[in-house]
Amino acid sequence: MELIYHIGECPVCRGCGRMELYCDISSGEISAICEECELEFDSVADYKNNSNGHRDLDNNGITAPLIRPATIEEIEDTEWYPYVIDKP
């Protein structure tokens, strides 16, 4: 079972969904995605300001990027690390 790291509650779901950290397989970029509504933030600033949230779903034949849960080693080198609430 893969461990999924969280940074807090979704600013839209408020108490229903947690923001999980995922890694885009092709770019290596880390994003926070709500486990409930799938709203995605690409930066801490966007998450904190609840701005520029998006959903990378299949849109007009353009497929969403392949993602996987980010490892703590990948997260450590990003701006997300100070916000991880379930550090080992």
Protein backbone atom coordinates (compact mmCIF):
# COMPACT_ATOMS: atom_id res chain seq x y z
CA MET A 1 0.00 0.00 0.00
CA GLU A 2 1.38 3.39 -0.99
CA LEU A 3 1.40 6.16 1.56
CA ILE A 4 -0.31 9.35 0.38
CA TYR A 5 0.82 12.59 2.00
CA HIS A 6 -1.62 15.39 2.81
CA ILE A 7 -1.36 19.14 3.30
CA GLY A 8 -4.79 19.87 4.81
CA GLU A 9 -8.42 20.27 3.84
CA CYS A 10 -9.71 21.16 0.42
CA PRO A 11 -10.75 24.83 0.35
CA VAL A 12 -13.85 23.87 -1.64
CA CYS A 13 -14.98 20.68 0.15
CA ARG A 14 -14.19 22.05 3.63
CA GLY A 15 -14.01 19.03 5.86
CA CYS A 16 -15.06 16.43 3.28
CA GLY A 17 -11.87 16.19 1.24
CA ARG A 18 -8.17 16.29 2.04
CA MET A 19 -5.51 17.63 -0.31
CA GLU A 20 -3.19 14.80 -1.37
CA LEU A 21 0.21 15.26 -2.98
CA TYR A 22 0.76 13.62 -6.36
CA CYS A 23 3.65 13.52 -8.81
CA ASP A 24 3.13 13.96 -12.56
CA ILE A 25 5.01 10.99 -14.03
CA SER A 26 6.23 12.80 -17.16
CA SER A 27 7.26 16.15 -15.63
CA GLY A 28 8.06 15.20 -12.03
CA GLU A 29 6.01 18.20 -10.79
CA ILE A 30 4.16 17.83 -7.49
CA SER A 31 0.55 18.99 -7.19
CA ALA A 32 -2.08 18.88 -4.48
CA ILE A 33 -5.32 17.16 -5.50
CA CYS A 34 -8.48 16.84 -3.41
CA GLU A 35 -9.35 13.22 -2.70
CA GLU A 36 -13.05 14.08 -2.94
CA CYS A 37 -13.72 16.68 -5.69
CA GLU A 38 -10.38 16.28 -7.56
CA LEU A 39 -9.65 20.01 -7.53
CA GLU A 40 -5.94 20.48 -8.20
CA PHE A 41 -3.47 23.18 -7.19
CA ASP A 42 -0.02 23.43 -8.77
CA SER A 43 1.53 25.69 -6.10
CA VAL A 44 1.26 26.43 -2.40
CA ALA A 45 0.33 30.05 -3.18
CA ASP A 46 -2.61 28.94 -5.31
CA TYR A 47 -3.76 26.51 -2.61
CA LYS A 48 -3.48 29.09 0.18
CA ASN A 49 -5.29 31.74 -1.90
CA ASN A 50 -7.81 29.26 -3.32
CA SER A 51 -7.01 30.51 -6.80
CA ASN A 52 -6.18 28.84 -10.12
CA GLY A 53 -7.60 25.51 -9.00
CA HIS A 54 -8.36 23.17 -11.90
CA ARG A 55 -9.33 19.63 -12.76
CA ASP A 56 -7.19 17.71 -15.26
CA LEU A 57 -9.94 15.47 -16.57
CA ASP A 58 -10.34 14.22 -20.15
CA ASN A 59 -11.32 17.33 -22.08
CA ASN A 60 -12.09 17.17 -25.80
CA GLY A 61 -9.83 14.20 -26.34
CA ILE A 62 -6.91 15.67 -24.39
CA THR A 63 -6.10 13.14 -21.70
CA ALA A 64 -5.14 13.99 -18.16
CA PRO A 65 -1.49 13.51 -17.14
CA LEU A 66 -0.50 10.23 -15.52
CA ILE A 67 0.08 10.72 -11.81
CA ARG A 68 1.09 8.68 -8.80
CA PRO A 69 1.33 9.47 -5.09
CA ALA A 70 4.44 11.57 -4.40
CA THR A 71 7.06 10.04 -2.15
CA ILE A 72 8.31 11.95 0.88
CA GLU A 73 11.75 12.15 -0.78
CA GLU A 74 10.21 13.92 -3.80
CA ILE A 75 8.18 16.23 -1.58
CA GLU A 76 11.17 17.20 0.61
CA ASP A 77 12.71 19.20 -2.23
CA THR A 78 9.56 21.24 -2.95
CA GLU A 79 7.61 24.13 -1.50
CA TRP A 80 4.97 21.64 -0.33
CA TYR A 81 7.14 19.97 2.33
CA PRO A 82 6.54 22.45 5.20
CA TYR A 83 2.79 21.92 4.78
CA VAL A 84 2.78 18.11 4.93
CA ILE A 85 0.74 17.16 8.01
CA ASP A 86 1.63 13.46 8.11
CA LYS A 87 5.42 13.48 7.89
CA PRO A 88 7.10 10.22 8.94
